[in-house]
Amino acid sequence: MISAIYNRLKKETVFSVTIILAVFTSIAFRTDLKAIDMKVVASLFLLMLISLAFEKYQLLNYISTTILSKVTSQRNIGILLIFVTAVLGSFITNDVALITIVPITISIGKKAGFDPLKIIVFETIAANIGSSLTPFGNPQNLYLYSRYRISLSSFYAAIGPVAALGMFILFILSLSLNNKSININVQIIKTSSNKKVFMYIILFILTLLSILRILDYRIITIFVFINVLIFDRDLFKSVDYYLLGTFIGFFIFVDHLNQMIFIKFIAEKFLGSPKQVFLISTALSQVISNVPTAILMSTFTKIPDMILLGVTVGGLGTLIASLANLISYKFYIKEYEGRNYLKFFYKINIIILIILIIFVILKN
């Protein structure tokens, strides 16, 4: 039992480090549970449950296979998968989009006799960029949108041009895919329960309305929780509680940091301008990933649009810059050798990262 827990904690490195930091700093600093943003935690929990339901009842696979049945070449398949991944990432988070699309891509590659390496790398970038287009597309957006109470107009004014440029670059790069015609039989996967799918679509819409501050998140949280408890209580077993725990631990740790005088001094010295906030957010994301960076940076600056841009652009670059990057890599190396994947991944990510950094700096 202890050995199993230890091995799981080794796999959940970010969670383990966050909890250790939160506990260690609590020895010297006061712990205020009000520092935990319960709306973010609750909203993330609901999105996880509903995404798991969509997986269980095959809604996402139905959408993907229906679209794929219409294409006839490797390039068209790639472009279509990239687009679908970006759209799904906008609504069901980048992680879930990749968990759905990458296995389908690998399966198509095997049937058609080609290595889907390039397509999967492009899908991963599309998931990161596409998920940035909505306040609920990824955890960092959800957190920043809630913490700063960003308006939708301000949100899209900040993120729209960068996301548009990123997707345009990705489209141009995808034209390099082989245009050889292929003939594969894509079996359309049907949803396993139309009634349940409809119910979860309604719950999803209600959750989005609560995130957008149209409905009270507390009422919606209770409502969704009760429905899942009655109809699909098995979904609770599959929720990523380590991610939720990571958020809670980071809220506490960052609150402790905020009580340190020298940390405040450093923040005031190096986070004085919008460009500094953007560049440090981007750089920090490369090392600790963009979700913890969003929480950490938000404590020391009141320039939310620059943090938002920093963690969005910062999701590109290293394998750990966004946890979504690791998802695709793990799927790919189960079937293929990973060395070539990493070479191509870093090559493309660095190119787009540099272009977007220059674009943001010149624009601001």
Protein backbone atom coordinates (compact mmCIF):
# COMPACT_ATOMS: atom_id res chain seq x y z
CA MET A 1 0.00 0.00 0.00
CA ILE A 2 2.72 2.48 1.02
CA SER A 3 4.82 1.40 -1.95
CA ALA A 4 1.91 1.99 -4.35
CA ILE A 5 1.31 5.49 -2.93
CA TYR A 6 5.03 6.29 -3.17
CA ASN A 7 5.21 5.15 -6.80
CA ARG A 8 2.15 7.23 -7.72
CA LEU A 9 3.59 10.32 -6.02
CA LYS A 10 6.80 9.83 -8.02
CA LYS A 11 4.73 9.97 -11.21
CA GLU A 12 2.82 13.04 -10.01
CA THR A 13 5.95 15.17 -9.64
CA VAL A 14 4.27 18.56 -9.87
CA PHE A 15 1.69 17.61 -7.25
CA SER A 16 4.31 16.21 -4.86
CA VAL A 17 6.61 19.22 -5.12
CA THR A 18 3.69 21.64 -4.70
CA ILE A 19 2.39 19.93 -1.56
CA ILE A 20 5.89 19.75 -0.06
CA LEU A 21 6.41 23.47 -0.70
CA ALA A 22 3.00 24.34 0.77
CA VAL A 23 3.62 22.27 3.91
CA PHE A 24 7.22 23.42 4.35
CA THR A 25 6.43 27.15 4.04
CA SER A 26 3.44 26.80 6.38
CA ILE A 27 5.92 26.29 9.22
CA ALA A 28 7.12 29.89 8.93
CA PHE A 29 4.06 31.64 7.50
CA ARG A 30 0.38 31.87 8.34
CA THR A 31 -1.88 29.64 6.24
CA ASP A 32 -5.10 31.28 5.10
CA LEU A 33 -7.54 28.87 3.46
CA LYS A 34 -9.28 31.88 1.90
CA ALA A 35 -6.29 32.02 -0.46
CA ILE A 36 -7.73 28.96 -2.23
CA ASP A 37 -9.86 30.07 -5.18
CA MET A 38 -12.77 27.69 -4.73
CA LYS A 39 -14.48 28.80 -7.94
CA VAL A 40 -11.48 27.70 -9.99
CA VAL A 41 -11.21 24.38 -8.14
CA ALA A 42 -14.96 23.71 -8.45
CA SER A 43 -15.11 24.71 -12.13
CA LEU A 44 -12.13 22.54 -12.99
CA PHE A 45 -13.71 19.63 -11.12
CA LEU A 46 -16.96 19.99 -13.08
CA LEU A 47 -15.16 20.22 -16.43
CA MET A 48 -13.26 17.04 -15.61
CA LEU A 49 -16.45 15.15 -14.74
CA ILE A 50 -18.26 16.28 -17.87
CA SER A 51 -15.26 15.55 -20.11
CA LEU A 52 -15.07 12.06 -18.63
CA ALA A 53 -18.77 11.61 -19.42
CA PHE A 54 -18.21 12.68 -23.02
CA GLU A 55 -15.45 10.07 -23.26
CA LYS A 56 -17.56 7.38 -21.62
CA TYR A 57 -20.45 7.87 -24.02
CA GLN A 58 -18.19 8.24 -27.09
CA LEU A 59 -19.36 11.73 -28.07
CA LEU A 60 -15.87 12.98 -28.90
CA ASN A 61 -14.98 9.84 -30.86
CA TYR A 62 -18.26 10.13 -32.78
CA ILE A 63 -17.45 13.72 -33.78
CA SER A 64 -13.87 12.85 -34.77
CA THR A 65 -14.63 9.71 -36.80
CA THR A 66 -17.58 11.34 -38.57
CA ILE A 67 -15.34 14.16 -39.80
CA LEU A 68 -12.46 11.84 -40.72
CA SER A 69 -14.71 9.70 -42.93
CA LYS A 70 -14.82 12.62 -45.40
CA VAL A 71 -11.07 12.95 -46.23
CA THR A 72 -8.86 11.09 -48.71
CA SER A 73 -5.22 12.21 -48.30
CA GLN A 74 -2.63 12.31 -45.53
CA ARG A 75 -2.34 16.10 -45.74
CA ASN A 76 -6.11 16.59 -45.58
CA ILE A 77 -6.35 14.19 -42.65
CA GLY A 78 -3.61 16.10 -40.87
CA ILE A 79 -5.13 19.53 -41.45
CA LEU A 80 -8.56 18.29 -40.41
CA LEU A 81 -7.24 16.63 -37.24
CA ILE A 82 -5.31 19.77 -36.34
CA PHE A 83 -8.43 21.89 -36.76
CA VAL A 84 -10.62 19.47 -34.80
CA THR A 85 -8.05 19.35 -31.99
CA ALA A 86 -7.99 23.15 -31.75
CA VAL A 87 -11.79 23.36 -31.63
CA LEU A 88 -12.11 20.58 -29.06
CA GLY A 89 -9.36 22.19 -27.00
CA SER A 90 -11.37 25.41 -26.88
CA PHE A 91 -14.34 23.64 -25.30
CA ILE A 92 -13.16 20.57 -23.42
CA THR A 93 -9.56 21.58 -22.50
CA ASN A 94 -6.34 20.81 -24.37
CA ASP A 95 -5.64 17.65 -22.33
CA VAL A 96 -8.96 15.96 -23.14
CA ALA A 97 -8.72 16.99 -26.80
CA LEU A 98 -5.36 15.25 -27.15
CA ILE A 99 -6.45 12.19 -25.16
CA THR A 100 -9.26 11.84 -27.71
CA ILE A 101 -7.52 12.76 -30.98
CA VAL A 102 -3.98 11.36 -30.66
CA PRO A 103 -5.04 7.68 -30.32
CA ILE A 104 -7.31 8.12 -33.36
CA THR A 105 -4.39 9.64 -35.27
CA ILE A 106 -2.10 6.73 -34.38
CA SER A 107 -4.78 4.24 -35.43
CA ILE A 108 -5.25 5.98 -38.80
CA GLY A 109 -1.48 6.10 -39.34
CA LYS A 110 -1.21 2.35 -38.80
CA LYS A 111 -4.11 1.57 -41.15
CA ALA A 112 -2.77 3.87 -43.86
CA GLY A 113 0.89 2.89 -43.39
CA PHE A 114 2.43 6.23 -42.39
CA ASP A 115 4.16 7.59 -39.29
CA PRO A 116 1.84 10.23 -37.72
CA LEU A 117 4.75 12.00 -35.95
CA LYS A 118 4.34 15.39 -37.65
CA ILE A 119 0.57 15.38 -37.36
CA ILE A 120 0.70 14.62 -33.61
CA VAL A 121 3.21 17.41 -32.97
CA PHE A 122 0.98 19.82 -34.90
CA GLU A 123 -2.09 18.55 -32.98
CA THR A 124 -0.31 19.22 -29.69
CA ILE A 125 0.46 22.80 -30.66
CA ALA A 126 -3.11 23.22 -31.94
CA ALA A 127 -4.48 21.99 -28.61
CA ASN A 128 -2.37 24.51 -26.70
CA ILE A 129 -3.28 27.41 -28.99
CA GLY A 130 -6.92 26.41 -29.45
CA SER A 131 -7.50 26.00 -25.72
CA SER A 132 -6.31 29.58 -25.18
CA LEU A 133 -9.30 30.89 -27.14
CA THR A 134 -11.84 30.42 -24.34
CA PRO A 135 -11.77 31.24 -20.61
CA PHE A 136 -12.43 27.55 -19.87
CA GLY A 137 -10.16 25.96 -22.49
CA ASN A 138 -7.34 25.24 -20.03
CA PRO A 139 -6.70 25.56 -16.28
CA GLN A 140 -4.55 28.68 -16.51
CA ASN A 141 -7.20 30.58 -18.48
CA LEU A 142 -9.86 29.46 -16.04
CA TYR A 143 -7.78 30.68 -13.12
CA LEU A 144 -6.78 34.05 -14.59
CA TYR A 145 -10.29 34.77 -15.90
CA SER A 146 -11.71 34.10 -12.44
CA ARG A 147 -9.04 35.81 -10.35
CA TYR A 148 -8.92 39.07 -12.31
CA ARG A 149 -12.60 39.00 -13.37
CA ILE A 150 -11.48 39.66 -16.93
CA SER A 151 -14.24 40.74 -19.31
CA LEU A 152 -14.77 38.71 -22.48
CA SER A 153 -13.90 41.72 -24.64
CA SER A 154 -10.57 42.23 -22.81
CA PHE A 155 -9.87 38.51 -22.92
CA TYR A 156 -10.25 38.27 -26.70
CA ALA A 157 -8.50 41.58 -27.35
CA ALA A 158 -5.44 40.11 -25.62
CA ILE A 159 -5.45 36.52 -26.82
CA GLY A 160 -7.21 36.74 -30.22
CA PRO A 161 -4.36 38.13 -32.39
CA VAL A 162 -1.74 35.78 -30.90
CA ALA A 163 -3.95 32.70 -31.27
CA ALA A 164 -4.85 33.67 -34.84
CA LEU A 165 -1.19 34.08 -35.78
CA GLY A 166 -0.25 30.81 -34.10
CA MET A 167 -2.94 28.88 -35.95
CA PHE A 168 -1.99 30.53 -39.26
CA ILE A 169 1.65 29.47 -38.81
CA LEU A 170 0.48 25.97 -37.93
CA PHE A 171 -1.67 25.82 -41.07
CA ILE A 172 1.28 26.89 -43.26
CA LEU A 173 3.51 24.25 -41.64
CA SER A 174 0.84 21.58 -42.10
CA LEU A 175 0.99 22.10 -45.87
CA SER A 176 4.35 20.30 -45.71
CA LEU A 177 2.53 17.05 -44.93
CA ASN A 178 2.55 14.35 -47.60
CA ASN A 179 -0.36 14.84 -50.00
CA LYS A 180 -0.42 11.22 -51.15
CA SER A 181 -3.92 9.83 -51.54
CA ILE A 182 -4.91 7.12 -49.08
CA ASN A 183 -7.95 4.93 -48.88
CA ILE A 184 -8.89 3.80 -45.39
CA ASN A 185 -12.18 2.75 -43.92
CA VAL A 186 -12.85 4.91 -40.89
CA GLN A 187 -15.55 3.27 -38.80
CA ILE A 188 -17.88 5.90 -37.36
CA ILE A 189 -18.21 5.36 -33.62
CA LYS A 190 -21.76 5.86 -32.38
CA THR A 191 -22.60 7.44 -29.03
CA SER A 192 -23.58 4.78 -26.50
CA SER A 193 -26.46 6.76 -24.96
CA ASN A 194 -28.04 9.75 -26.68
CA LYS A 195 -30.05 10.63 -23.58
CA LYS A 196 -26.94 10.76 -21.38
CA VAL A 197 -25.02 12.74 -24.01
CA PHE A 198 -27.84 15.29 -24.15
CA MET A 199 -27.91 15.53 -20.35
CA TYR A 200 -24.16 16.17 -20.15
CA ILE A 201 -24.30 18.75 -22.94
CA ILE A 202 -26.86 20.65 -20.82
CA LEU A 203 -24.63 20.30 -17.74
CA PHE A 204 -21.68 21.49 -19.80
CA ILE A 205 -23.55 24.60 -20.95
CA LEU A 206 -24.59 25.37 -17.36
CA THR A 207 -20.97 24.99 -16.23
CA LEU A 208 -19.77 27.37 -18.92
CA LEU A 209 -22.40 29.91 -17.89
CA SER A 210 -21.16 29.71 -14.31
CA ILE A 211 -17.55 30.23 -15.45
CA LEU A 212 -18.68 33.26 -17.46
CA ARG A 213 -20.28 34.59 -14.25
CA ILE A 214 -23.83 34.42 -15.64
CA LEU A 215 -24.90 31.74 -13.13
CA ASP A 216 -23.76 31.17 -9.54
CA TYR A 217 -20.98 28.56 -9.63
CA ARG A 218 -21.97 27.22 -6.19
CA ILE A 219 -25.49 26.31 -7.33
CA ILE A 220 -24.22 24.78 -10.58
CA THR A 221 -21.54 22.79 -8.74
CA ILE A 222 -24.15 21.23 -6.44
CA PHE A 223 -26.52 20.58 -9.36
CA VAL A 224 -23.89 18.87 -11.53
CA PHE A 225 -22.50 16.92 -8.57
CA ILE A 226 -25.94 15.51 -7.69
CA ASN A 227 -26.69 14.51 -11.29
CA VAL A 228 -23.37 12.71 -11.72
CA LEU A 229 -23.82 11.06 -8.32
CA ILE A 230 -27.23 9.72 -9.37
CA PHE A 231 -26.48 8.67 -12.95
CA ASP A 232 -22.71 8.08 -13.26
CA ARG A 233 -21.03 7.94 -9.88
CA ASP A 234 -18.21 5.83 -11.37
CA LEU A 235 -16.91 9.01 -13.04
CA PHE A 236 -15.73 10.30 -9.66
CA LYS A 237 -13.08 7.54 -9.61
CA SER A 238 -11.43 8.88 -12.80
CA VAL A 239 -11.18 12.55 -11.85
CA ASP A 240 -7.60 13.86 -11.73
CA TYR A 241 -7.58 14.71 -8.03
CA TYR A 242 -3.81 15.26 -8.22
CA LEU A 243 -4.37 18.23 -10.52
CA LEU A 244 -6.98 19.64 -8.13
CA GLY A 245 -4.59 19.05 -5.24
CA THR A 246 -1.83 20.80 -7.18
CA PHE A 247 -4.01 23.88 -7.54
CA ILE A 248 -4.90 23.91 -3.85
CA GLY A 249 -1.26 23.42 -2.83
CA PHE A 250 -0.10 26.16 -5.15
CA PHE A 251 -2.71 28.62 -3.87
CA ILE A 252 -1.41 28.06 -0.34
CA PHE A 253 2.28 28.16 -1.32
CA VAL A 254 1.90 31.35 -3.36
CA ASP A 255 0.04 32.98 -0.47
CA HIS A 256 3.04 32.14 1.73
CA LEU A 257 5.39 33.64 -0.87
CA ASN A 258 3.33 36.79 -0.83
CA GLN A 259 4.14 37.18 2.86
CA MET A 260 7.90 37.20 2.17
CA ILE A 261 9.28 40.74 2.02
CA PHE A 262 12.25 39.92 -0.23
CA ILE A 263 9.98 38.16 -2.75
CA LYS A 264 7.83 41.28 -2.96
CA PHE A 265 10.98 43.36 -3.50
CA ILE A 266 12.17 41.13 -6.35
CA ALA A 267 8.71 41.17 -7.94
CA GLU A 268 8.52 44.96 -7.82
CA LYS A 269 11.99 45.22 -9.37
CA PHE A 270 11.52 42.78 -12.25
CA LEU A 271 7.77 42.95 -12.95
CA GLY A 272 7.42 46.68 -13.45
CA SER A 273 6.50 46.71 -17.14
CA PRO A 274 4.07 44.69 -19.28
CA LYS A 275 6.91 43.31 -21.42
CA GLN A 276 8.77 42.10 -18.32
CA VAL A 277 5.65 40.34 -17.08
CA PHE A 278 5.17 38.69 -20.48
CA LEU A 279 8.78 37.55 -20.88
CA ILE A 280 9.12 36.22 -17.32
CA SER A 281 5.77 34.39 -17.61
CA THR A 282 6.92 32.83 -20.89
CA ALA A 283 10.34 31.85 -19.53
CA LEU A 284 9.01 30.51 -16.24
CA SER A 285 6.49 28.33 -18.11
CA GLN A 286 9.39 26.53 -19.79
CA VAL A 287 10.64 25.35 -16.40
CA ILE A 288 7.59 24.78 -14.18
CA SER A 289 4.84 24.67 -16.88
CA ASN A 290 2.23 27.31 -17.59
CA VAL A 291 -0.40 26.41 -14.97
CA PRO A 292 1.80 26.97 -11.88
CA THR A 293 3.30 30.02 -13.60
CA ALA A 294 -0.14 31.64 -13.96
CA ILE A 295 -0.86 31.21 -10.25
CA LEU A 296 2.59 32.37 -9.17
CA MET A 297 2.71 35.44 -11.42
CA SER A 298 -0.79 36.58 -10.52
CA THR A 299 0.28 37.22 -6.95
CA PHE A 300 2.94 39.76 -7.87
CA THR A 301 1.46 41.77 -10.74
CA LYS A 302 -1.80 43.34 -11.80
CA ILE A 303 -1.26 43.03 -15.54
CA PRO A 304 -3.46 39.99 -16.33
CA ASP A 305 -3.33 40.29 -20.12
CA MET A 306 0.47 39.95 -20.09
CA ILE A 307 0.34 36.91 -17.79
CA LEU A 308 -2.32 35.42 -20.07
CA LEU A 309 -0.16 35.99 -23.14
CA GLY A 310 2.96 34.76 -21.34
CA VAL A 311 1.49 31.42 -20.24
CA THR A 312 -0.21 30.93 -23.63
CA VAL A 313 2.95 31.50 -25.65
CA GLY A 314 4.91 29.78 -22.88
CA GLY A 315 2.92 26.58 -23.41
CA LEU A 316 5.08 26.15 -26.51
CA GLY A 317 8.76 25.32 -26.16
CA THR A 318 9.81 22.57 -23.78
CA LEU A 319 8.06 19.26 -23.22
CA ILE A 320 7.00 20.37 -19.72
CA ALA A 321 5.93 23.90 -20.72
CA SER A 322 2.39 22.52 -20.95
CA LEU A 323 1.30 19.21 -19.44
CA ALA A 324 -0.61 18.60 -22.68
CA ASN A 325 2.76 18.26 -24.43
CA LEU A 326 3.57 15.25 -22.26
CA ILE A 327 0.25 13.57 -23.07
CA SER A 328 0.96 13.42 -26.80
CA TYR A 329 4.55 12.31 -26.25
CA LYS A 330 3.50 9.45 -23.97
CA PHE A 331 0.92 8.22 -26.50
CA TYR A 332 3.42 8.37 -29.36
CA ILE A 333 6.29 6.51 -27.65
CA LYS A 334 3.99 3.59 -26.83
CA GLU A 335 3.96 2.78 -30.56
CA TYR A 336 7.04 4.46 -32.03
CA GLU A 337 10.61 5.48 -31.18
CA GLY A 338 10.65 8.83 -29.40
CA ARG A 339 13.98 10.38 -30.45
CA ASN A 340 12.77 11.69 -33.82
CA TYR A 341 9.58 12.93 -32.20
CA LEU A 342 11.51 15.09 -29.73
CA LYS A 343 13.74 16.50 -32.47
CA PHE A 344 10.77 17.57 -34.58
CA PHE A 345 8.78 18.71 -31.52
CA TYR A 346 11.51 21.08 -30.32
CA LYS A 347 12.28 22.33 -33.82
CA ILE A 348 8.67 23.35 -34.55
CA ASN A 349 7.89 24.59 -31.04
CA ILE A 350 10.95 26.83 -30.90
CA ILE A 351 10.18 28.33 -34.31
CA ILE A 352 6.59 29.22 -33.34
CA LEU A 353 7.65 30.29 -29.83
CA ILE A 354 10.19 32.80 -31.18
CA ILE A 355 7.76 34.21 -33.76
CA LEU A 356 5.00 34.71 -31.17
CA ILE A 357 7.38 36.29 -28.63
CA ILE A 358 8.54 38.81 -31.24
CA PHE A 359 4.93 39.47 -32.28
CA VAL A 360 3.78 40.18 -28.71
CA ILE A 361 6.78 42.41 -27.95
CA LEU A 362 6.30 44.47 -31.12
CA LYS A 363 2.54 44.69 -30.61
CA ASN A 364 2.87 45.86 -27.01
